[in-house]
C-alpha atoms as a PDB file:
ATOM      1  CA  MET A   1     112.360 111.936  85.774  1.00  0.00           C
ATOM      2  CA  ILE A   2     112.357 110.156  82.643  1.00  0.00           C
ATOM      3  CA  ILE A   3     109.530 111.116  80.077  1.00  0.00           C
ATOM      4  CA  THR A   4     108.644 108.926  77.100  1.00  0.00           C
ATOM      5  CA  ARG A   5     106.506 110.256  74.171  1.00  0.00           C
ATOM      6  CA  LEU A   6     103.824 107.616  73.496  1.00  0.00           C
ATOM      7  CA  THR A   7     102.745 107.325  69.745  1.00  0.00           C
ATOM      8  CA  GLY A   8     100.751 105.062  67.525  1.00  0.00           C
ATOM      9  CA  GLY A   9      98.704 101.866  68.552  1.00  0.00           C
ATOM     10  CA  LEU A  10      98.722  99.819  71.474  1.00  0.00           C
ATOM     11  CA  GLY A  11     101.884  97.667  70.399  1.00  0.00           C
ATOM     12  CA  ASN A  12     104.107 100.567  70.048  1.00  0.00           C
ATOM     13  CA  GLN A  13     102.891 102.236  73.040  1.00  0.00           C
ATOM     14  CA  MET A  14     103.972  99.029  75.033  1.00  0.00           C
ATOM     15  CA  PHE A  15     107.471  99.259  73.408  1.00  0.00           C
ATOM     16  CA  GLN A  16     107.899 102.950  74.422  1.00  0.00           C
ATOM     17  CA  TYR A  17     106.716 102.300  78.029  1.00  0.00           C
ATOM     18  CA  ALA A  18     108.868  99.427  78.338  1.00  0.00           C
ATOM     19  CA  ALA A  19     111.918 101.381  77.195  1.00  0.00           C
ATOM     20  CA  GLY A  20     111.099 104.127  79.554  1.00  0.00           C
ATOM     21  CA  LEU A  21     110.379 101.983  82.295  1.00  0.00           C
ATOM     22  CA  ALA A  22     113.834 100.347  82.040  1.00  0.00           C
ATOM     23  CA  LEU A  23     115.672 103.786  81.739  1.00  0.00           C
ATOM     24  CA  ALA A  24     113.611 105.301  84.733  1.00  0.00           C
ATOM     25  CA  ASP A  25     114.588 102.199  86.799  1.00  0.00           C
ATOM     26  CA  LYS A  26     118.406 102.534  85.780  1.00  0.00           C
ATOM     27  CA  ARG A  27     118.494 106.116  87.025  1.00  0.00           C
ATOM     28  CA  ARG A  28     116.306 105.484  90.117  1.00  0.00           C
ATOM     29  CA  THR A  29     113.858 107.979  89.346  1.00  0.00           C
ATOM     30  CA  VAL A  30     110.084 108.258  87.924  1.00  0.00           C
ATOM     31  CA  LEU A  31     108.762 107.562  84.538  1.00  0.00           C
ATOM     32  CA  LYS A  32     106.183 110.003  83.104  1.00  0.00           C
ATOM     33  CA  LEU A  33     104.314 109.570  79.914  1.00  0.00           C
ATOM     34  CA  ASP A  34     103.869 112.421  77.194  1.00  0.00           C
ATOM     35  CA  VAL A  35     100.503 111.956  75.227  1.00  0.00           C
ATOM     36  CA  SER A  36     100.549 114.841  73.242  1.00  0.00           C
ATOM     37  CA  TRP A  37     100.784 113.039  69.926  1.00  0.00           C
ATOM     38  CA  PHE A  38      97.297 111.838  70.237  1.00  0.00           C
ATOM     39  CA  ARG A  39      95.996 115.486  70.372  1.00  0.00           C
ATOM     40  CA  GLU A  40      98.213 116.321  67.389  1.00  0.00           C
ATOM     41  CA  ASN A  41      97.416 113.181  65.269  1.00  0.00           C
ATOM     42  CA  THR A  42      93.567 112.797  65.627  1.00  0.00           C
ATOM     43  CA  GLY A  43      93.286 111.243  62.247  1.00  0.00           C
ATOM     44  CA  TRP A  44      95.144 107.978  62.995  1.00  0.00           C
ATOM     45  CA  ALA A  45      92.123 105.958  64.140  1.00  0.00           C
ATOM     46  CA  PRO A  46      92.160 103.263  65.505  1.00  0.00           C
ATOM     47  CA  HIS A  47      95.653 104.250  66.538  1.00  0.00           C
ATOM     48  CA  GLY A  48      95.087 107.600  67.597  1.00  0.00           C
ATOM     49  CA  ARG A  49      94.497 107.272  71.483  1.00  0.00           C
ATOM     50  CA  TYR A  50      96.147 106.394  74.587  1.00  0.00           C
ATOM     51  CA  ALA A  51      95.602 102.708  74.750  1.00  0.00           C
ATOM     52  CA  LEU A  52      97.616 101.727  78.105  1.00  0.00           C
ATOM     53  CA  ASP A  53      94.466 102.027  80.432  1.00  0.00           C
ATOM     54  CA  GLY A  54      93.720  98.529  79.955  1.00  0.00           C
ATOM     55  CA  PHE A  55      96.905  97.567  82.084  1.00  0.00           C
ATOM     56  CA  LEU A  56      97.609  97.637  85.781  1.00  0.00           C
ATOM     57  CA  LEU A  57     100.572  99.909  85.336  1.00  0.00           C
ATOM     58  CA  PRO A  58     101.077 103.142  87.559  1.00  0.00           C
ATOM     59  CA  ALA A  59     100.784 105.762  84.845  1.00  0.00           C
ATOM     60  CA  GLN A  60     101.799 109.272  85.386  1.00  0.00           C
ATOM     61  CA  PHE A  61     101.592 111.843  82.682  1.00  0.00           C
ATOM     62  CA  SER A  62     103.969 114.974  81.922  1.00  0.00           C
ATOM     63  CA  THR A  63     102.600 118.382  81.716  1.00  0.00           C
ATOM     64  CA  GLU A  64     103.616 120.462  78.707  1.00  0.00           C
ATOM     65  CA  ASP A  65     106.105 122.377  80.602  1.00  0.00           C
ATOM     66  CA  GLU A  66     107.496 119.292  82.003  1.00  0.00           C
ATOM     67  CA  SER A  67     107.974 117.846  78.365  1.00  0.00           C
ATOM     68  CA  LEU A  68     109.427 121.005  77.151  1.00  0.00           C
ATOM     69  CA  ARG A  69     111.902 121.146  80.156  1.00  0.00           C
ATOM     70  CA  ALA A  70     112.895 117.562  79.507  1.00  0.00           C
ATOM     71  CA  SER A  71     113.613 118.332  75.856  1.00  0.00           C
ATOM     72  CA  GLY A  72     116.008 121.340  77.058  1.00  0.00           C
ATOM     73  CA  VAL A  73     113.554 123.942  75.693  1.00  0.00           C
ATOM     74  CA  ARG A  74     112.915 127.343  77.493  1.00  0.00           C
ATOM     75  CA  LEU A  75     109.986 128.875  75.556  1.00  0.00           C
ATOM     76  CA  THR A  76     107.749 131.863  76.208  1.00  0.00           C
ATOM     77  CA  ARG A  77     104.097 131.322  75.883  1.00  0.00           C
ATOM     78  CA  SER A  78     103.962 132.599  72.187  1.00  0.00           C
ATOM     79  CA  GLU A  79     106.780 130.125  71.253  1.00  0.00           C
ATOM     80  CA  ARG A  80     105.078 127.420  73.047  1.00  0.00           C
ATOM     81  CA  PHE A  81     101.913 128.187  70.879  1.00  0.00           C
ATOM     82  CA  SER A  82     104.141 128.207  67.579  1.00  0.00           C
ATOM     83  CA  LEU A  83     105.798 124.839  68.513  1.00  0.00           C
ATOM     84  CA  THR A  84     102.391 123.494  68.900  1.00  0.00           C
ATOM     85  CA  ILE A  85     101.556 124.661  65.136  1.00  0.00           C
ATOM     86  CA  ALA A  86     104.788 123.361  64.078  1.00  0.00           C
ATOM     87  CA  ARG A  87     103.998 119.951  65.277  1.00  0.00           C
ATOM     88  CA  LEU A  88     100.570 119.926  64.044  1.00  0.00           C
ATOM     89  CA  LEU A  89     102.037 120.854  60.584  1.00  0.00           C
ATOM     90  CA  HIS A  90     104.930 117.940  61.012  1.00  0.00           C
ATOM     91  CA  PHE A  91     107.644 120.674  60.732  1.00  0.00           C
ATOM     92  CA  ARG A  92     110.117 118.286  62.371  1.00  0.00           C
ATOM     93  CA  GLN A  93     113.106 120.653  61.313  1.00  0.00           C
ATOM     94  CA  TYR A  94     111.900 122.816  64.254  1.00  0.00           C
ATOM     95  CA  GLU A  95     112.874 120.183  66.624  1.00  0.00           C
ATOM     96  CA  ARG A  96     115.981 119.467  64.928  1.00  0.00           C
ATOM     97  CA  GLY A  97     116.965 123.103  65.684  1.00  0.00           C
ATOM     98  CA  LEU A  98     116.755 122.443  69.545  1.00  0.00           C
ATOM     99  CA  PRO A  99     119.764 123.868  71.417  1.00  0.00           C
ATOM    100  CA  SER A 100     122.764 121.405  71.988  1.00  0.00           C
ATOM    101  CA  THR A 101     121.898 121.180  75.743  1.00  0.00           C
ATOM    102  CA  SER A 102     118.334 119.401  74.915  1.00  0.00           C
ATOM    103  CA  ARG A 103     117.845 116.168  76.561  1.00  0.00           C
ATOM    104  CA  LEU A 104     115.779 114.763  73.717  1.00  0.00           C
ATOM    105  CA  HIS A 105     116.878 111.340  72.886  1.00  0.00           C
ATOM    106  CA  ARG A 106     115.482 110.341  69.255  1.00  0.00           C
ATOM    107  CA  PRO A 107     117.239 107.238  68.131  1.00  0.00           C
ATOM    108  CA  GLY A 108     118.252 106.725  64.324  1.00  0.00           C
ATOM    109  CA  SER A 109     117.104 103.126  64.192  1.00  0.00           C
ATOM    110  CA  PHE A 110     114.951 100.484  65.751  1.00  0.00           C
ATOM    111  CA  ARG A 111     118.329  98.600  66.778  1.00  0.00           C
ATOM    112  CA  PHE A 112     119.503  98.769  70.559  1.00  0.00           C
ATOM    113  CA  SER A 113     122.405 100.473  71.456  1.00  0.00           C
ATOM    114  CA  PRO A 114     124.194  99.759  74.904  1.00  0.00           C
ATOM    115  CA  ASP A 115     124.401 103.767  75.225  1.00  0.00           C
ATOM    116  CA  PHE A 116     120.714 103.795  75.957  1.00  0.00           C
ATOM    117  CA  PHE A 117     121.314 103.053  79.502  1.00  0.00           C
ATOM    118  CA  SER A 118     123.828 105.901  79.769  1.00  0.00           C
ATOM    119  CA  LEU A 119     121.289 108.492  78.935  1.00  0.00           C
ATOM    120  CA  PRO A 120     120.831 110.811  82.025  1.00  0.00           C
ATOM    121  CA  ASP A 121     117.955 111.597  84.405  1.00  0.00           C
ATOM    122  CA  GLY A 122     115.617 114.112  82.632  1.00  0.00           C
ATOM    123  CA  THR A 123     115.750 112.345  79.165  1.00  0.00           C
ATOM    124  CA  PHE A 124     112.849 112.762  76.903  1.00  0.00           C
ATOM    125  CA  LEU A 125     112.580 109.666  74.714  1.00  0.00           C
ATOM    126  CA  ASP A 126     110.996 110.057  71.492  1.00  0.00           C
ATOM    127  CA  GLY A 127     111.307 107.031  69.278  1.00  0.00           C
ATOM    128  CA  LEU A 128     109.918 103.222  68.639  1.00  0.00           C
ATOM    129  CA  PHE A 129     112.533 101.147  70.718  1.00  0.00           C
ATOM    130  CA  GLN A 130     111.335  97.905  69.273  1.00  0.00           C
ATOM    131  CA  SER A 131     113.682  95.430  70.849  1.00  0.00           C
ATOM    132  CA  GLU A 132     113.276  93.582  73.895  1.00  0.00           C
ATOM    133  CA  LEU A 133     116.895  94.594  74.775  1.00  0.00           C
ATOM    134  CA  PHE A 134     115.550  97.913  75.833  1.00  0.00           C
ATOM    135  CA  PHE A 135     113.790  96.545  78.746  1.00  0.00           C
ATOM    136  CA  GLN A 136     115.326  93.249  79.325  1.00  0.00           C
ATOM    137  CA  PRO A 137     116.927  94.230  82.752  1.00  0.00           C
ATOM    138  CA  VAL A 138     113.257  94.894  83.935  1.00  0.00           C
ATOM    139  CA  SER A 139     111.311  92.216  82.004  1.00  0.00           C
ATOM    140  CA  LEU A 140     109.629  90.946  85.289  1.00  0.00           C
ATOM    141  CA  GLN A 141     108.493  94.159  86.210  1.00  0.00           C
ATOM    142  CA  VAL A 142     107.226  94.919  82.516  1.00  0.00           C
ATOM    143  CA  ARG A 143     105.309  91.642  82.808  1.00  0.00           C
ATOM    144  CA  ARG A 144     103.562  92.960  85.995  1.00  0.00           C
ATOM    145  CA  HIS A 145     102.827  96.264  84.674  1.00  0.00           C
ATOM    146  CA  PHE A 146     101.269  94.602  81.739  1.00  0.00           C
ATOM    147  CA  SER A 147      98.899  92.682  83.659  1.00  0.00           C
ATOM    148  CA  PHE A 148      95.502  93.118  82.315  1.00  0.00           C
ATOM    149  CA  ARG A 149      93.195  95.415  84.513  1.00  0.00           C
ATOM    150  CA  PHE A 150      89.724  94.282  83.460  1.00  0.00           C
ATOM    151  CA  PRO A 151      88.056  90.987  83.584  1.00  0.00           C
ATOM    152  CA  LEU A 152      87.302  89.283  80.365  1.00  0.00           C
ATOM    153  CA  SER A 153      83.678  89.714  78.704  1.00  0.00           C
ATOM    154  CA  ALA A 154      81.501  86.907  78.232  1.00  0.00           C
ATOM    155  CA  ARG A 155      82.232  86.273  74.602  1.00  0.00           C
ATOM    156  CA  ALA A 156      86.008  86.475  75.251  1.00  0.00           C
ATOM    157  CA  LYS A 157      85.506  83.847  78.228  1.00  0.00           C
ATOM    158  CA  GLU A 158      84.109  81.450  75.531  1.00  0.00           C
ATOM    159  CA  ILE A 159      87.039  81.835  73.252  1.00  0.00           C
ATOM    160  CA  LEU A 160      89.537  81.445  76.248  1.00  0.00           C
ATOM    161  CA  GLU A 161      87.762  78.027  77.205  1.00  0.00           C
ATOM    162  CA  SER A 162      88.301  77.011  73.360  1.00  0.00           C
ATOM    163  CA  VAL A 163      92.087  78.123  73.522  1.00  0.00           C
ATOM    164  CA  GLN A 164      92.751  76.308  76.690  1.00  0.00           C
ATOM    165  CA  SER A 165      90.924  73.461  75.832  1.00  0.00           C
ATOM    166  CA  ARG A 166      93.902  71.485  73.908  1.00  0.00           C
ATOM    167  CA  PRO A 167      97.376  72.601  72.611  1.00  0.00           C
ATOM    168  CA  SER A 168      96.752  75.663  70.892  1.00  0.00           C
ATOM    169  CA  ALA A 169      98.636  78.244  68.602  1.00  0.00           C
ATOM    170  CA  PHE A 170      97.597  81.857  67.524  1.00  0.00           C
ATOM    171  CA  VAL A 171      98.233  83.098  64.326  1.00  0.00           C
ATOM    172  CA  HIS A 172      98.066  86.814  63.630  1.00  0.00           C
ATOM    173  CA  LEU A 173      97.026  88.428  60.215  1.00  0.00           C
ATOM    174  CA  ARG A 174      97.596  92.171  60.289  1.00  0.00           C
ATOM    175  CA  ARG A 175      95.783  93.611  57.183  1.00  0.00           C
ATOM    176  CA  GLY A 176      93.704  96.657  57.757  1.00  0.00           C
ATOM    177  CA  ASP A 177      95.937  99.714  57.307  1.00  0.00           C
ATOM    178  CA  TYR A 178      98.558  97.692  55.892  1.00  0.00           C
ATOM    179  CA  ILE A 179      96.502  97.559  52.770  1.00  0.00           C
ATOM    180  CA  THR A 180      94.579 100.921  53.015  1.00  0.00           C
ATOM    181  CA  ASP A 181      97.594 103.051  53.679  1.00  0.00           C
ATOM    182  CA  PRO A 182     100.062 103.081  50.830  1.00  0.00           C
ATOM    183  CA  ARG A 183     102.992 104.145  53.248  1.00  0.00           C
ATOM    184  CA  PHE A 184     102.345 101.183  55.496  1.00  0.00           C
ATOM    185  CA  GLY A 185     102.584  98.768  52.352  1.00  0.00           C
ATOM    186  CA  ARG A 186     105.693 100.412  51.100  1.00  0.00           C
ATOM    187  CA  GLU A 187     107.699 100.612  54.329  1.00  0.00           C
ATOM    188  CA  ILE A 188     106.215  97.395  56.209  1.00  0.00           C
ATOM    189  CA  GLY A 189     104.931  95.145  53.723  1.00  0.00           C
ATOM    190  CA  ILE A 190     102.129  92.642  53.837  1.00  0.00           C
ATOM    191  CA  LEU A 191     102.967  88.986  54.606  1.00  0.00           C
ATOM    192  CA  SER A 192     102.468  86.618  51.648  1.00  0.00           C
ATOM    193  CA  ALA A 193     100.263  83.173  51.925  1.00  0.00           C
ATOM    194  CA  ARG A 194     103.631  81.628  51.278  1.00  0.00           C
ATOM    195  CA  TYR A 195     104.803  82.748  54.615  1.00  0.00           C
ATOM    196  CA  TYR A 196     101.684  81.457  56.611  1.00  0.00           C
ATOM    197  CA  ARG A 197     101.762  78.207  54.778  1.00  0.00           C
ATOM    198  CA  ALA A 198     105.379  77.516  55.534  1.00  0.00           C
ATOM    199  CA  ALA A 199     105.094  78.737  59.350  1.00  0.00           C
ATOM    200  CA  ILE A 200     101.835  76.572  59.484  1.00  0.00           C
ATOM    201  CA  ASP A 201     103.552  73.521  58.134  1.00  0.00           C
ATOM    202  CA  ARG A 202     106.448  74.240  60.320  1.00  0.00           C
ATOM    203  CA  LEU A 203     104.463  74.749  63.618  1.00  0.00           C
ATOM    204  CA  SER A 204     102.325  71.553  62.730  1.00  0.00           C
ATOM    205  CA  SER A 205     105.472  69.416  62.288  1.00  0.00           C
ATOM    206  CA  LEU A 206     106.712  70.545  65.739  1.00  0.00           C
ATOM    207  CA  HIS A 207     103.371  70.163  67.574  1.00  0.00           C
ATOM    208  CA  PRO A 208     101.039  67.706  65.807  1.00  0.00           C
ATOM    209  CA  GLY A 209      97.383  68.103  66.686  1.00  0.00           C
ATOM    210  CA  VAL A 210      97.930  71.989  67.809  1.00  0.00           C
ATOM    211  CA  ARG A 211      94.763  73.961  67.302  1.00  0.00           C
ATOM    212  CA  LEU A 212      95.170  77.161  65.432  1.00  0.00           C
ATOM    213  CA  HIS A 213      93.366  80.273  66.466  1.00  0.00           C
ATOM    214  CA  VAL A 214      93.522  82.934  63.936  1.00  0.00           C
ATOM    215  CA  PHE A 215      93.257  86.581  64.829  1.00  0.00           C
ATOM    216  CA  SER A 216      93.128  89.429  62.258  1.00  0.00           C
ATOM    217  CA  ASP A 217      91.735  92.862  61.983  1.00  0.00           C
ATOM    218  CA  ASP A 218      90.015  91.586  58.789  1.00  0.00           C
ATOM    219  CA  PRO A 219      88.379  88.255  59.688  1.00  0.00           C
ATOM    220  CA  SER A 220      86.397  87.800  56.623  1.00  0.00           C
ATOM    221  CA  GLY A 221      89.634  88.452  54.669  1.00  0.00           C
ATOM    222  CA  ALA A 222      91.697  86.234  56.798  1.00  0.00           C
ATOM    223  CA  ALA A 223      89.204  83.380  56.145  1.00  0.00           C
ATOM    224  CA  GLU A 224      89.595  83.691  52.400  1.00  0.00           C
ATOM    225  CA  PHE A 225      93.322  84.227  52.798  1.00  0.00           C
ATOM    226  CA  LEU A 226      93.779  81.008  54.691  1.00  0.00           C
ATOM    227  CA  ASN A 227      91.037  78.753  52.678  1.00  0.00           C
ATOM    228  CA  GLY A 228      92.097  75.562  52.449  1.00  0.00           C
ATOM    229  CA  PHE A 229      94.200  75.089  55.733  1.00  0.00           C
ATOM    230  CA  SER A 230      92.590  72.628  58.132  1.00  0.00           C
ATOM    231  CA  ASP A 231      92.074  72.779  61.789  1.00  0.00           C
ATOM    232  CA  LEU A 232      91.619  76.546  61.998  1.00  0.00           C
ATOM    233  CA  SER A 233      89.382  78.716  64.039  1.00  0.00           C
ATOM    234  CA  ILE A 234      88.749  82.255  62.902  1.00  0.00           C
ATOM    235  CA  VAL A 235      88.491  84.616  65.865  1.00  0.00           C
ATOM    236  CA  ASP A 236      86.701  87.850  65.204  1.00  0.00           C
ATOM    237  CA  PRO A 237      88.034  90.421  67.345  1.00  0.00           C
ATOM    238  CA  ASN A 238      85.678  93.034  66.090  1.00  0.00           C
ATOM    239  CA  ARG A 239      82.710  91.161  67.723  1.00  0.00           C
ATOM    240  CA  GLN A 240      82.328  92.485  71.186  1.00  0.00           C
ATOM    241  CA  LEU A 241      86.116  92.288  71.777  1.00  0.00           C
ATOM    242  CA  ASP A 242      88.559  95.071  72.545  1.00  0.00           C
ATOM    243  CA  ALA A 243      92.307  95.174  71.831  1.00  0.00           C
ATOM    244  CA  HIS A 244      93.242  94.146  75.220  1.00  0.00           C
ATOM    245  CA  GLU A 245      91.013  91.245  75.242  1.00  0.00           C
ATOM    246  CA  THR A 246      92.375  90.215  71.955  1.00  0.00           C
ATOM    247  CA  LEU A 247      96.051  90.567  73.147  1.00  0.00           C
ATOM    248  CA  ARG A 248      95.119  88.513  76.409  1.00  0.00           C
ATOM    249  CA  LEU A 249      93.379  85.551  74.308  1.00  0.00           C
ATOM    250  CA  MET A 250      96.439  85.557  71.939  1.00  0.00           C
ATOM    251  CA  ALA A 251      98.938  85.438  74.907  1.00  0.00           C
ATOM    252  CA  SER A 252      96.971  82.564  76.327  1.00  0.00           C
ATOM    253  CA  CYS A 253      97.879  80.408  73.755  1.00  0.00           C
ATOM    254  CA  GLN A 254     101.268  78.060  73.824  1.00  0.00           C
ATOM    255  CA  HIS A 255     102.696  78.949  70.605  1.00  0.00           C
ATOM    256  CA  ALA A 256     102.279  81.589  67.986  1.00  0.00           C
ATOM    257  CA  ILE A 257     102.655  82.572  64.248  1.00  0.00           C
ATOM    258  CA  VAL A 258     103.276  86.242  64.542  1.00  0.00           C
ATOM    259  CA  ALA A 259     102.792  88.866  61.876  1.00  0.00           C
ATOM    260  CA  ASN A 260     105.119  91.697  61.093  1.00  0.00           C
ATOM    261  CA  SER A 261     103.240  93.886  63.914  1.00  0.00           C
ATOM    262  CA  SER A 262     104.054  95.061  67.377  1.00  0.00           C
ATOM    263  CA  PHE A 263     100.624  93.844  68.747  1.00  0.00           C
ATOM    264  CA  SER A 264     101.341  90.112  67.745  1.00  0.00           C
ATOM    265  CA  TRP A 265     105.159  90.663  68.760  1.00  0.00           C
ATOM    266  CA  TRP A 266     103.704  91.490  72.308  1.00  0.00           C
ATOM    267  CA  ALA A 267     101.240  88.834  72.334  1.00  0.00           C
ATOM    268  CA  ALA A 268     103.869  86.382  71.606  1.00  0.00           C
ATOM    269  CA  TRP A 269     106.304  87.893  74.236  1.00  0.00           C
ATOM    270  CA  LEU A 270     103.642  87.708  77.033  1.00  0.00           C
ATOM    271  CA  MET A 271     102.911  84.074  76.425  1.00  0.00           C
ATOM    272  CA  ASP A 272     104.511  82.343  79.414  1.00  0.00           C
ATOM    273  CA  HIS A 273     104.434  78.735  78.287  1.00  0.00           C
ATOM    274  CA  PRO A 274     108.006  77.407  79.032  1.00  0.00           C
ATOM    275  CA  ASP A 275     108.461  75.520  75.864  1.00  0.00           C
ATOM    276  CA  LYS A 276     106.574  78.028  73.336  1.00  0.00           C
ATOM    277  CA  THR A 277     107.435  77.955  69.743  1.00  0.00           C
ATOM    278  CA  VAL A 278     107.276  81.233  67.927  1.00  0.00           C
ATOM    279  CA  ILE A 279     107.592  81.752  64.367  1.00  0.00           C
ATOM    280  CA  ALA A 280     108.222  85.080  62.892  1.00  0.00           C
ATOM    281  CA  PRO A 281     108.938  86.850  59.481  1.00  0.00           C
ATOM    282  CA  ALA A 282     112.345  87.966  58.213  1.00  0.00           C
ATOM    283  CA  PRO A 283     112.640  90.601  57.286  1.00  0.00           C
ATOM    284  CA  TRP A 284     110.391  91.941  59.712  1.00  0.00           C
ATOM    285  CA  TYR A 285     109.874  95.111  57.390  1.00  0.00           C
ATOM    286  CA  VAL A 286     110.059  95.102  53.677  1.00  0.00           C
ATOM    287  CA  ALA A 287     111.706  98.380  53.665  1.00  0.00           C
ATOM    288  CA  SER A 288     115.479  97.927  53.995  1.00  0.00           C
ATOM    289  CA  THR A 289     116.363 101.298  55.606  1.00  0.00           C
ATOM    290  CA  HIS A 290     114.887 100.055  59.077  1.00  0.00           C
ATOM    291  CA  ASP A 291     117.468  98.105  61.145  1.00  0.00           C
ATOM    292  CA  THR A 292     115.369  95.354  62.707  1.00  0.00           C
ATOM    293  CA  SER A 293     118.104  92.969  63.416  1.00  0.00           C
ATOM    294  CA  ASP A 294     117.589  92.690  67.244  1.00  0.00           C
ATOM    295  CA  LEU A 295     113.638  93.072  66.944  1.00  0.00           C
ATOM    296  CA  VAL A 296     113.066  89.264  67.130  1.00  0.00           C
ATOM    297  CA  PRO A 297     114.132  87.717  70.525  1.00  0.00           C
ATOM    298  CA  LYS A 298     116.886  85.192  70.301  1.00  0.00           C
ATOM    299  CA  SER A 299     114.585  82.821  72.383  1.00  0.00           C
ATOM    300  CA  TRP A 300     112.088  82.646  69.593  1.00  0.00           C
ATOM    301  CA  SER A 301     112.837  79.441  67.752  1.00  0.00           C
ATOM    302  CA  THR A 302     112.184  80.217  64.066  1.00  0.00           C
ATOM    303  CA  GLN A 303     112.228  82.842  61.630  1.00  0.00           C
ATOM    304  CA  LEU A 304     111.029  82.219  58.025  1.00  0.00           C
ATOM    305  CA  ALA A 305     113.019  84.293  55.735  1.00  0.00           C
ATOM    306  CA  ASP A 306     111.903  86.069  52.350  1.00  0.00           C
ATOM    307  CA  PHE A 307     108.104  85.752  52.615  1.00  0.00           C
ATOM    308  CA  VAL A 308     107.294  89.378  52.784  1.00  0.00           C
ATOM    309  CA  SER A 309     105.449  90.496  49.697  1.00  0.00           C
END
């Protein structure tokens, strides 16, 4: 059994699931999902909930005892209670004190290491795993598992018809908590108008006449931010669209200009257009402490440098 701990929003959970699936396949065993983070971090709306239920994947969930055993921990009932309190208070030093026999795997960076596939059966994965290389051996299986469970709403179908009526590309602006949360602003950074201007110019030169569909968690702010650009359609994902519908609409486009967001990363990865052009920012995060050198797949055609504000 492989257990992967899910944290954060939909995009993060997809990375964590895909990495766990790849390791479970390598070990010829079952994958189980630990969702305790969502109980321990209830203030992280809209990212504080399990979000993979919109996909056709065979989810199995670990019990508390299974997760503790996979971490190599043997605790009494009172010790398990203390561990819960420690996690709620973010006392990570408690976990760093686990015995050497622990099967907890918490990578030090985002970068892929080939040693990942040497991890044994019974491993508990606790990380972000933000690289295609973590799940590349099972990429076809990942695509099947990330098939959408529910039909599109009437509103989403209207947008899909527009997207499919002519050559199209999505432009993703991630703002929201990147603006309101100071930590995200410091570590991730908000992409500047220069990045989007350069990306749109590049995409338009490669694909003249392409229609740009703008997706953002701040549609009014996106409209003001991109004022002056022609042939843009601002899509409001907050109006009768859920995250899975938004992801599905973005993935229905032929080309993409992605934000430094795991959500738009997955939308671009799920696009199955054989000649797709994907433009991504470099660096991905403004914080130089994050090694994201293999986060953007080599198959994506263009990275624009030095446009993170």
